[in-house]
Amino acid sequence: SITRHKIGYCQDVPDIISYSCGVDPDDRLKMPFIPEDFSGWRKKLQKDILTAVEKAHSKKKIDLCFAYGTIRNFERQTLLKLRQMSIPVALWYLDEKHGFLKNQEPLIGAYDLHLSNSIEPMRWYIAKGQACYYFPQAIDPKIYFPKERTRDIDVSFVGAAYGWRLEFIDKLKKNGIPIECFGPGWDNGPVEDIREIFWRSKINLGIGFTGMSKKLTCIKARDF
Protein backbone atom coordinates (compact mmCIF):
# COMPACT_ATOMS: atom_id res chain seq x y z
CA SER A 1 0.00 0.00 0.00
CA ILE A 2 1.06 3.60 -0.60
CA THR A 3 1.00 6.10 2.23
CA ARG A 4 0.68 9.71 1.16
CA HIS A 5 2.31 12.31 3.40
CA LYS A 6 1.28 15.94 3.14
CA ILE A 7 4.74 17.43 3.34
CA GLY A 8 4.34 21.01 2.27
CA TYR A 9 2.02 23.65 0.94
CA CYS A 10 3.04 27.02 -0.40
CA GLN A 11 1.04 29.88 -1.83
CA ASP A 12 1.26 33.56 -2.67
CA VAL A 13 -1.23 35.82 -0.93
CA PRO A 14 -1.92 39.43 -2.08
CA ASP A 15 -0.54 41.15 1.03
CA ILE A 16 1.76 38.52 2.50
CA ILE A 17 3.64 35.44 1.44
CA SER A 18 2.73 32.52 3.66
CA TYR A 19 3.51 28.87 3.75
CA SER A 20 2.74 25.91 5.88
CA CYS A 21 4.69 22.72 6.18
CA GLY A 22 4.00 19.59 8.18
CA VAL A 23 3.10 15.92 8.04
CA ASP A 24 -0.48 16.41 9.17
CA PRO A 25 -2.78 19.30 8.19
CA ASP A 26 -3.32 20.18 11.85
CA ASP A 27 0.42 20.10 12.50
CA ARG A 28 1.41 22.62 9.84
CA LEU A 29 3.58 25.58 10.61
CA LYS A 30 2.30 28.85 9.25
CA MET A 31 4.63 31.83 9.13
CA PRO A 32 3.61 35.03 7.34
CA PHE A 33 6.22 37.27 5.74
CA ILE A 34 5.93 40.48 3.80
CA PRO A 35 6.92 40.03 0.12
CA GLU A 36 10.21 41.88 0.67
CA ASP A 37 11.32 39.07 2.99
CA PHE A 38 11.16 36.44 0.26
CA SER A 39 14.72 35.31 0.96
CA GLY A 40 13.83 34.71 4.61
CA TRP A 41 10.72 32.80 3.61
CA ARG A 42 12.68 30.64 1.16
CA LYS A 43 15.46 29.89 3.65
CA LYS A 44 13.02 28.76 6.33
CA LEU A 45 11.06 26.71 3.81
CA GLN A 46 14.16 24.63 3.00
CA LYS A 47 14.72 23.82 6.66
CA ASP A 48 11.09 22.95 7.33
CA ILE A 49 10.80 20.77 4.22
CA LEU A 50 13.76 18.66 5.33
CA THR A 51 12.51 18.47 8.91
CA ALA A 52 9.03 17.38 7.82
CA VAL A 53 10.34 14.78 5.37
CA GLU A 54 12.77 13.33 7.91
CA LYS A 55 9.94 13.05 10.44
CA ALA A 56 7.62 11.30 7.98
CA HIS A 57 10.39 9.07 6.62
CA SER A 58 11.36 7.91 10.11
CA LYS A 59 7.79 6.74 10.76
CA LYS A 60 7.33 4.98 7.45
CA LYS A 61 9.56 4.81 4.40
CA ILE A 62 8.65 7.35 1.72
CA ASP A 63 8.61 5.75 -1.73
CA LEU A 64 8.51 8.98 -3.72
CA CYS A 65 8.73 12.70 -3.02
CA PHE A 66 6.52 14.61 -5.44
CA ALA A 67 7.58 18.27 -5.51
CA TYR A 68 6.09 21.21 -7.37
CA GLY A 69 8.07 24.37 -7.94
CA THR A 70 11.19 26.07 -9.28
CA ILE A 71 14.51 27.45 -8.04
CA ARG A 72 12.41 30.13 -6.33
CA ASN A 73 10.98 27.44 -4.08
CA PHE A 74 13.74 24.86 -3.76
CA GLU A 75 17.48 25.09 -3.35
CA ARG A 76 19.50 22.43 -5.17
CA GLN A 77 20.92 21.28 -1.86
CA THR A 78 17.42 20.68 -0.47
CA LEU A 79 16.50 18.29 -3.27
CA LEU A 80 19.91 16.59 -3.08
CA LYS A 81 19.47 16.02 0.67
CA LEU A 82 16.10 14.39 0.01
CA ARG A 83 17.80 12.00 -2.39
CA GLN A 84 20.52 11.31 0.18
CA MET A 85 17.72 9.89 2.35
CA SER A 86 17.19 7.32 -0.44
CA ILE A 87 13.96 9.07 -1.46
CA PRO A 88 13.42 9.45 -5.23
CA VAL A 89 12.37 13.00 -6.12
CA ALA A 90 10.04 13.92 -8.99
CA LEU A 91 9.69 17.61 -9.83
CA TRP A 92 6.69 19.12 -11.63
CA TYR A 93 6.05 22.67 -12.82
CA LEU A 94 3.39 23.80 -15.28
CA ASP A 95 4.88 27.09 -16.47
CA GLU A 96 8.37 25.85 -17.28
CA LYS A 97 8.10 27.02 -20.89
CA HIS A 98 8.03 30.66 -19.76
CA GLY A 99 11.35 30.66 -17.94
CA PHE A 100 13.18 27.37 -18.36
CA LEU A 101 16.70 28.84 -18.27
CA LYS A 102 16.05 30.99 -15.21
CA ASN A 103 13.68 28.86 -13.14
CA GLN A 104 14.16 25.20 -14.03
CA GLU A 105 17.63 24.66 -15.48
CA PRO A 106 19.43 25.57 -12.20
CA LEU A 107 17.78 22.53 -10.54
CA ILE A 108 18.58 19.99 -13.25
CA GLY A 109 20.54 17.07 -11.83
CA ALA A 110 19.39 17.68 -8.25
CA TYR A 111 16.35 15.42 -8.60
CA ASP A 112 15.54 12.11 -10.28
CA LEU A 113 12.69 12.79 -12.69
CA HIS A 114 11.08 15.85 -14.22
CA LEU A 115 7.38 15.84 -15.06
CA SER A 116 6.24 18.07 -17.92
CA ASN A 117 2.75 18.92 -19.16
CA SER A 118 4.12 19.94 -22.57
CA ILE A 119 5.94 17.69 -25.03
CA GLU A 120 8.32 20.35 -26.38
CA PRO A 121 10.20 21.07 -23.10
CA MET A 122 10.88 17.36 -22.67
CA ARG A 123 13.61 17.74 -25.30
CA TRP A 124 15.20 20.54 -23.29
CA TYR A 125 15.52 18.39 -20.17
CA ILE A 126 16.71 15.31 -22.03
CA ALA A 127 19.34 17.41 -23.83
CA LYS A 128 20.63 18.46 -20.39
CA GLY A 129 20.76 14.85 -19.20
CA GLN A 130 17.64 15.05 -17.02
CA ALA A 131 15.13 12.20 -17.19
CA CYS A 132 11.74 13.59 -18.18
CA TYR A 133 8.24 12.13 -18.40
CA TYR A 134 5.13 13.52 -20.09
CA PHE A 135 2.69 14.31 -17.29
CA PRO A 136 -0.34 16.32 -18.49
CA GLN A 137 -3.02 17.52 -16.11
CA ALA A 138 -6.27 15.70 -15.50
CA ILE A 139 -9.49 16.61 -13.75
CA ASP A 140 -11.44 15.42 -10.76
CA PRO A 141 -15.01 14.72 -11.96
CA LYS A 142 -16.22 15.58 -8.47
CA ILE A 143 -15.04 19.15 -9.09
CA TYR A 144 -15.42 19.62 -12.85
CA PHE A 145 -18.76 18.38 -14.14
CA PRO A 146 -21.63 19.63 -16.32
CA LYS A 147 -24.16 21.81 -14.52
CA GLU A 148 -27.37 23.48 -15.61
CA ARG A 149 -26.88 27.22 -15.98
CA THR A 150 -28.32 29.91 -18.21
CA ARG A 151 -25.97 30.09 -21.20
CA ASP A 152 -25.72 33.88 -21.22
CA ILE A 153 -22.09 34.09 -22.44
CA ASP A 154 -21.64 33.40 -26.16
CA VAL A 155 -17.86 32.93 -26.06
CA SER A 156 -15.59 33.05 -23.01
CA PHE A 157 -11.88 32.95 -22.33
CA VAL A 158 -10.39 32.41 -18.87
CA GLY A 159 -6.73 33.30 -18.45
CA ALA A 160 -4.32 36.20 -17.96
CA ALA A 161 -4.05 38.96 -20.57
CA TYR A 162 -0.55 38.83 -22.04
CA GLY A 163 1.47 37.89 -25.09
CA TRP A 164 -0.19 36.82 -28.31
CA ARG A 165 -3.53 36.36 -26.53
CA LEU A 166 -4.13 40.12 -26.64
CA GLU A 167 -3.74 40.28 -30.42
CA PHE A 168 -5.83 37.16 -30.96
CA ILE A 169 -8.72 38.33 -28.76
CA ASP A 170 -8.63 41.78 -30.39
CA LYS A 171 -8.94 40.21 -33.85
CA LEU A 172 -11.91 38.13 -32.72
CA LYS A 173 -13.71 41.21 -31.43
CA LYS A 174 -12.96 43.18 -34.60
CA ASN A 175 -14.53 40.35 -36.58
CA GLY A 176 -17.72 40.52 -34.56
CA ILE A 177 -17.12 37.62 -32.17
CA PRO A 178 -18.80 38.52 -28.83
CA ILE A 179 -16.12 37.19 -26.50
CA GLU A 180 -15.93 37.86 -22.76
CA CYS A 181 -12.50 37.50 -21.11
CA PHE A 182 -11.84 36.78 -17.44
CA GLY A 183 -8.55 36.87 -15.57
CA PRO A 184 -5.74 39.27 -14.60
CA GLY A 185 -5.43 42.14 -17.08
CA TRP A 186 -8.91 41.93 -18.63
CA ASP A 187 -11.76 44.35 -17.91
CA ASN A 188 -13.75 41.64 -16.09
CA GLY A 189 -10.76 40.77 -13.90
CA PRO A 190 -10.27 37.40 -12.16
CA VAL A 191 -13.19 35.22 -11.09
CA GLU A 192 -13.51 33.29 -7.85
CA ASP A 193 -14.85 30.11 -9.46
CA ILE A 194 -13.94 29.56 -13.11
CA ARG A 195 -16.46 26.74 -13.34
CA GLU A 196 -19.27 29.29 -13.27
CA ILE A 197 -17.86 30.86 -16.43
CA PHE A 198 -17.56 27.49 -18.13
CA TRP A 199 -21.11 26.52 -17.16
CA ARG A 200 -22.52 29.82 -18.47
CA SER A 201 -20.62 29.74 -21.78
CA LYS A 202 -21.92 28.46 -25.09
CA ILE A 203 -18.30 28.25 -26.27
CA ASN A 204 -15.24 28.23 -24.02
CA LEU A 205 -12.17 29.35 -25.96
CA GLY A 206 -9.05 27.34 -25.18
CA ILE A 207 -5.84 29.13 -26.17
CA GLY A 208 -3.05 26.61 -25.73
CA PHE A 209 -0.18 28.93 -26.67
CA THR A 210 2.21 29.69 -23.83
CA GLY A 211 4.21 32.79 -23.04
CA MET A 212 4.95 34.82 -26.17
CA SER A 213 5.03 31.78 -28.46
CA LYS A 214 2.48 30.79 -31.10
CA LYS A 215 4.01 27.32 -31.39
CA LEU A 216 4.51 26.01 -27.84
CA THR A 217 1.29 24.65 -26.41
CA CYS A 218 0.09 22.89 -23.27
CA ILE A 219 -3.11 21.83 -21.57
CA LYS A 220 -4.88 24.34 -19.34
CA ALA A 221 -7.81 24.07 -16.93
CA ARG A 222 -10.11 25.76 -19.46
CA ASP A 223 -9.59 22.80 -21.81
CA PHE A 224 -11.62 20.61 -19.48
Foldseek 3Di string as FASTA:
>chain_A
DADDFQAWDFDCDPAWGWIWGARDPVPTDIDTDGPVCLVVVQVVLLVSSVVRVVVVCVVPNHAEAEEEFWCSRDPLVSLQVCVVVVHAYEYEYAQCVQPVPPTHVNNQPSGAEYEYQFPVCCVVNVVVVHHYDHDHDDDDCVQADADADAQPFAEEEEDADDACVVVVVVVCVVVPNRYDYEDHPGPNYHDPRCNVVVNNYPYYDDQQDHDNDNPTGGDDPSVD
